[in-house]
Amino acid sequence: MKLTVHKDTSGIHISVSGHMYVEDASQLREKALEALGNDGKNVVVDLSGLEYIDSSGMGVLISIHKRCVQRGGGVTIRGLHGTVQELFELTRLTKVFTIS
């Protein structure tokens, strides 16, 4: 998995590519929570390069979303495609996240 995280005035931008397994999910959680800090509330996650995500990766995205909502923000998911998009639709997470 390749992961990039950067923060600017509009929020946190995360890009994930490759395959996200349980060991990668903890890295995503750590980097995202570090970027969110005490005041972050908006996150954009680009999954256009992601080919596979397991349940632990989905769980991390949900926990990031929950933290953002508690702060009055949210998570936007971009670039859903293929099996990753099918998984989001099957689990109805397309109704939880803002999808663009």
N, C-alpha and C. Protein backbone atom coordinates (compact mmCIF):
# COMPACT_ATOMS: atom_id res chain seq x y z
N MET A 1 0.84 -1.18 0.00
CA MET A 1 0.00 0.00 0.00
C MET A 1 0.89 1.24 0.00
N LYS A 2 0.48 2.21 -0.78
CA LYS A 2 1.15 3.51 -0.78
C LYS A 2 0.16 4.51 -0.18
N LEU A 3 0.65 5.31 0.76
CA LEU A 3 -0.20 6.24 1.49
C LEU A 3 0.46 7.61 1.53
N THR A 4 -0.29 8.64 1.14
CA THR A 4 0.18 10.01 1.31
C THR A 4 -0.88 10.80 2.06
N VAL A 5 -0.43 11.62 2.98
CA VAL A 5 -1.32 12.44 3.79
C VAL A 5 -0.74 13.85 3.82
N HIS A 6 -1.57 14.83 3.50
CA HIS A 6 -1.14 16.21 3.67
C HIS A 6 -2.32 17.05 4.15
N LYS A 7 -1.97 18.14 4.80
CA LYS A 7 -2.97 19.01 5.40
C LYS A 7 -2.82 20.40 4.80
N ASP A 8 -3.96 21.03 4.50
CA ASP A 8 -3.96 22.42 4.07
C ASP A 8 -5.15 23.12 4.70
N THR A 9 -5.44 24.32 4.25
CA THR A 9 -6.50 25.11 4.88
C THR A 9 -7.89 24.51 4.69
N SER A 10 -8.07 23.67 3.66
CA SER A 10 -9.40 23.08 3.42
C SER A 10 -9.59 21.77 4.19
N GLY A 11 -8.53 21.21 4.75
CA GLY A 11 -8.64 19.97 5.51
C GLY A 11 -7.49 19.04 5.24
N ILE A 12 -7.74 17.77 5.48
CA ILE A 12 -6.73 16.73 5.31
C ILE A 12 -7.03 15.97 4.03
N HIS A 13 -5.99 15.71 3.25
CA HIS A 13 -6.11 14.98 2.00
C HIS A 13 -5.29 13.70 2.12
N ILE A 14 -5.95 12.58 1.91
CA ILE A 14 -5.31 11.27 2.01
C ILE A 14 -5.46 10.57 0.67
N SER A 15 -4.37 10.02 0.19
CA SER A 15 -4.39 9.24 -1.05
C SER A 15 -3.87 7.85 -0.74
N VAL A 16 -4.64 6.84 -1.14
CA VAL A 16 -4.27 5.45 -0.87
C VAL A 16 -4.27 4.69 -2.19
N SER A 17 -3.20 3.92 -2.43
CA SER A 17 -3.15 3.11 -3.64
C SER A 17 -2.58 1.73 -3.31
N GLY A 18 -2.83 0.80 -4.21
CA GLY A 18 -2.37 -0.57 -4.01
C GLY A 18 -3.43 -1.42 -3.34
N HIS A 19 -3.00 -2.18 -2.34
CA HIS A 19 -3.89 -3.08 -1.59
C HIS A 19 -3.79 -2.75 -0.11
N MET A 20 -4.94 -2.58 0.55
CA MET A 20 -4.94 -2.26 1.98
C MET A 20 -5.41 -3.48 2.76
N TYR A 21 -4.47 -4.05 3.52
CA TYR A 21 -4.75 -5.18 4.39
C TYR A 21 -4.69 -4.72 5.84
N VAL A 22 -4.93 -5.62 6.77
CA VAL A 22 -5.01 -5.29 8.19
C VAL A 22 -3.76 -4.56 8.68
N GLU A 23 -2.58 -4.97 8.26
CA GLU A 23 -1.35 -4.30 8.72
C GLU A 23 -1.23 -2.88 8.15
N ASP A 24 -1.83 -2.63 7.00
CA ASP A 24 -1.79 -1.30 6.40
C ASP A 24 -2.81 -0.37 7.06
N ALA A 25 -3.91 -0.93 7.52
CA ALA A 25 -4.98 -0.14 8.13
C ALA A 25 -4.48 0.61 9.36
N SER A 26 -3.62 -0.02 10.15
CA SER A 26 -3.10 0.66 11.34
C SER A 26 -2.23 1.84 10.95
N GLN A 27 -1.51 1.72 9.85
CA GLN A 27 -0.70 2.84 9.35
C GLN A 27 -1.61 3.99 8.92
N LEU A 28 -2.69 3.68 8.23
CA LEU A 28 -3.65 4.71 7.82
C LEU A 28 -4.24 5.40 9.03
N ARG A 29 -4.65 4.63 10.03
CA ARG A 29 -5.23 5.20 11.25
C ARG A 29 -4.24 6.16 11.92
N GLU A 30 -3.02 5.71 12.08
CA GLU A 30 -2.00 6.52 12.76
C GLU A 30 -1.76 7.84 12.02
N LYS A 31 -1.55 7.77 10.71
CA LYS A 31 -1.26 8.97 9.92
C LYS A 31 -2.45 9.92 9.88
N ALA A 32 -3.66 9.38 9.72
CA ALA A 32 -4.86 10.22 9.64
C ALA A 32 -5.12 10.92 10.97
N LEU A 33 -5.04 10.19 12.08
CA LEU A 33 -5.30 10.79 13.39
C LEU A 33 -4.24 11.83 13.74
N GLU A 34 -3.02 11.57 13.33
CA GLU A 34 -1.95 12.56 13.54
C GLU A 34 -2.26 13.84 12.77
N ALA A 35 -2.70 13.70 11.53
CA ALA A 35 -3.04 14.87 10.70
C ALA A 35 -4.26 15.60 11.24
N LEU A 36 -5.25 14.86 11.74
CA LEU A 36 -6.46 15.48 12.30
C LEU A 36 -6.14 16.30 13.54
N GLY A 37 -5.21 15.83 14.36
CA GLY A 37 -4.85 16.56 15.57
C GLY A 37 -6.06 16.84 16.43
N ASN A 38 -6.05 18.00 17.07
CA ASN A 38 -7.15 18.37 17.97
C ASN A 38 -8.25 19.18 17.30
N ASP A 39 -7.99 19.66 16.08
CA ASP A 39 -8.96 20.56 15.47
C ASP A 39 -9.40 20.17 14.05
N GLY A 40 -8.81 19.15 13.47
CA GLY A 40 -9.19 18.75 12.12
C GLY A 40 -10.59 18.17 12.08
N LYS A 41 -11.34 18.49 11.01
CA LYS A 41 -12.70 17.96 10.94
C LYS A 41 -13.13 17.56 9.54
N ASN A 42 -12.35 17.88 8.52
CA ASN A 42 -12.71 17.51 7.15
C ASN A 42 -11.59 16.73 6.50
N VAL A 43 -11.95 15.58 5.92
CA VAL A 43 -10.97 14.71 5.29
C VAL A 43 -11.47 14.32 3.91
N VAL A 44 -10.58 14.37 2.93
CA VAL A 44 -10.86 13.88 1.59
C VAL A 44 -9.94 12.69 1.36
N VAL A 45 -10.53 11.55 1.02
CA VAL A 45 -9.77 10.33 0.80
C VAL A 45 -9.88 9.94 -0.67
N ASP A 46 -8.75 9.92 -1.36
CA ASP A 46 -8.71 9.54 -2.77
C ASP A 46 -8.36 8.05 -2.86
N LEU A 47 -9.31 7.26 -3.34
CA LEU A 47 -9.11 5.82 -3.46
C LEU A 47 -8.98 5.39 -4.92
N SER A 48 -8.70 6.33 -5.81
CA SER A 48 -8.64 6.01 -7.24
C SER A 48 -7.53 5.00 -7.56
N GLY A 49 -6.50 4.93 -6.74
CA GLY A 49 -5.42 3.98 -6.97
C GLY A 49 -5.53 2.72 -6.13
N LEU A 50 -6.61 2.59 -5.37
CA LEU A 50 -6.78 1.43 -4.49
C LEU A 50 -7.45 0.28 -5.23
N GLU A 51 -6.81 -0.88 -5.20
CA GLU A 51 -7.34 -2.06 -5.89
C GLU A 51 -8.08 -3.00 -4.95
N TYR A 52 -7.75 -2.96 -3.64
CA TYR A 52 -8.38 -3.87 -2.68
C TYR A 52 -8.35 -3.24 -1.30
N ILE A 53 -9.41 -3.43 -0.53
CA ILE A 53 -9.47 -3.00 0.86
C ILE A 53 -10.19 -4.08 1.66
N ASP A 54 -9.64 -4.44 2.82
CA ASP A 54 -10.31 -5.44 3.64
C ASP A 54 -11.14 -4.75 4.72
N SER A 55 -11.79 -5.54 5.57
CA SER A 55 -12.71 -4.99 6.56
C SER A 55 -12.01 -4.08 7.57
N SER A 56 -10.75 -4.35 7.87
CA SER A 56 -10.04 -3.48 8.82
C SER A 56 -9.80 -2.10 8.21
N GLY A 57 -9.53 -2.04 6.93
CA GLY A 57 -9.38 -0.75 6.26
C GLY A 57 -10.68 0.02 6.23
N MET A 58 -11.77 -0.69 5.97
CA MET A 58 -13.09 -0.05 5.99
C MET A 58 -13.38 0.48 7.39
N GLY A 59 -13.02 -0.30 8.40
CA GLY A 59 -13.23 0.12 9.79
C GLY A 59 -12.47 1.38 10.14
N VAL A 60 -11.26 1.52 9.63
CA VAL A 60 -10.47 2.73 9.88
C VAL A 60 -11.14 3.93 9.24
N LEU A 61 -11.62 3.78 8.01
CA LEU A 61 -12.31 4.89 7.34
C LEU A 61 -13.56 5.30 8.13
N ILE A 62 -14.29 4.33 8.65
CA ILE A 62 -15.48 4.62 9.44
C ILE A 62 -15.10 5.35 10.73
N SER A 63 -14.04 4.93 11.40
CA SER A 63 -13.64 5.60 12.65
C SER A 63 -13.16 7.03 12.39
N ILE A 64 -12.48 7.25 11.27
CA ILE A 64 -12.07 8.61 10.91
C ILE A 64 -13.32 9.46 10.66
N HIS A 65 -14.28 8.89 9.93
CA HIS A 65 -15.54 9.59 9.65
C HIS A 65 -16.26 9.95 10.95
N LYS A 66 -16.33 9.01 11.87
CA LYS A 66 -17.01 9.24 13.14
C LYS A 66 -16.37 10.40 13.90
N ARG A 67 -15.04 10.43 13.94
CA ARG A 67 -14.34 11.51 14.63
C ARG A 67 -14.62 12.86 13.95
N CYS A 68 -14.62 12.87 12.62
CA CYS A 68 -14.88 14.12 11.89
C CYS A 68 -16.30 14.61 12.13
N VAL A 69 -17.28 13.72 12.12
CA VAL A 69 -18.68 14.10 12.35
C VAL A 69 -18.85 14.67 13.75
N GLN A 70 -18.18 14.09 14.75
CA GLN A 70 -18.26 14.60 16.12
C GLN A 70 -17.74 16.03 16.21
N ARG A 71 -16.87 16.40 15.28
CA ARG A 71 -16.30 17.75 15.27
C ARG A 71 -17.03 18.68 14.30
N GLY A 72 -18.11 18.20 13.71
CA GLY A 72 -18.88 19.03 12.79
C GLY A 72 -18.43 18.96 11.36
N GLY A 73 -17.63 17.97 11.01
CA GLY A 73 -17.13 17.83 9.63
C GLY A 73 -17.57 16.52 9.02
N GLY A 74 -16.71 15.97 8.18
CA GLY A 74 -17.02 14.70 7.55
C GLY A 74 -15.91 14.22 6.65
N VAL A 75 -16.14 13.10 6.01
CA VAL A 75 -15.18 12.48 5.11
C VAL A 75 -15.80 12.38 3.72
N THR A 76 -15.04 12.81 2.72
CA THR A 76 -15.44 12.66 1.33
C THR A 76 -14.54 11.62 0.69
N ILE A 77 -15.13 10.65 0.01
CA ILE A 77 -14.39 9.61 -0.68
C ILE A 77 -14.41 9.92 -2.17
N ARG A 78 -13.24 9.89 -2.78
CA ARG A 78 -13.12 10.13 -4.23
C ARG A 78 -12.52 8.91 -4.91
N GLY A 79 -12.85 8.74 -6.16
CA GLY A 79 -12.18 7.76 -7.01
C GLY A 79 -12.58 6.32 -6.79
N LEU A 80 -13.77 6.06 -6.28
CA LEU A 80 -14.21 4.68 -6.11
C LEU A 80 -14.35 4.01 -7.47
N HIS A 81 -13.89 2.77 -7.57
CA HIS A 81 -14.00 2.01 -8.82
C HIS A 81 -13.83 0.53 -8.53
N GLY A 82 -14.25 -0.28 -9.46
CA GLY A 82 -14.03 -1.72 -9.40
C GLY A 82 -14.54 -2.38 -8.14
N THR A 83 -13.77 -3.32 -7.62
CA THR A 83 -14.19 -4.09 -6.45
C THR A 83 -14.30 -3.24 -5.20
N VAL A 84 -13.49 -2.18 -5.11
CA VAL A 84 -13.59 -1.29 -3.95
C VAL A 84 -14.94 -0.58 -3.96
N GLN A 85 -15.37 -0.11 -5.11
CA GLN A 85 -16.68 0.53 -5.23
C GLN A 85 -17.79 -0.47 -4.92
N GLU A 86 -17.67 -1.68 -5.42
CA GLU A 86 -18.67 -2.72 -5.14
C GLU A 86 -18.79 -2.98 -3.65
N LEU A 87 -17.67 -3.01 -2.96
CA LEU A 87 -17.68 -3.24 -1.51
C LEU A 87 -18.37 -2.09 -0.77
N PHE A 88 -18.08 -0.85 -1.18
CA PHE A 88 -18.75 0.30 -0.57
C PHE A 88 -20.26 0.23 -0.80
N GLU A 89 -20.67 -0.17 -2.00
CA GLU A 89 -22.09 -0.27 -2.31
C GLU A 89 -22.75 -1.42 -1.55
N LEU A 90 -22.08 -2.57 -1.49
CA LEU A 90 -22.61 -3.75 -0.81
C LEU A 90 -22.81 -3.48 0.69
N THR A 91 -21.88 -2.76 1.29
CA THR A 91 -21.97 -2.47 2.72
C THR A 91 -22.76 -1.20 3.01
N ARG A 92 -23.26 -0.58 1.95
CA ARG A 92 -24.04 0.66 2.03
C ARG A 92 -23.26 1.84 2.61
N LEU A 93 -21.95 1.77 2.53
CA LEU A 93 -21.15 2.89 3.00
C LEU A 93 -21.23 4.09 2.05
N THR A 94 -21.79 3.89 0.88
CA THR A 94 -22.04 5.01 -0.02
C THR A 94 -23.10 5.94 0.55
N LYS A 95 -23.85 5.46 1.53
CA LYS A 95 -24.85 6.30 2.21
C LYS A 95 -24.28 6.98 3.44
N VAL A 96 -23.13 6.51 3.91
CA VAL A 96 -22.47 7.07 5.09
C VAL A 96 -21.52 8.19 4.70
N PHE A 97 -20.69 7.92 3.71
CA PHE A 97 -19.69 8.89 3.26
C PHE A 97 -20.24 9.77 2.14
N THR A 98 -19.69 10.95 1.99
CA THR A 98 -19.94 11.76 0.81
C THR A 98 -19.05 11.19 -0.29
N ILE A 99 -19.64 10.81 -1.41
CA ILE A 99 -18.89 10.20 -2.52
C ILE A 99 -18.84 11.20 -3.65
N SER A 100 -17.63 11.42 -4.17
CA SER A 100 -17.51 12.33 -5.32
C SER A 100 -16.66 11.68 -6.38
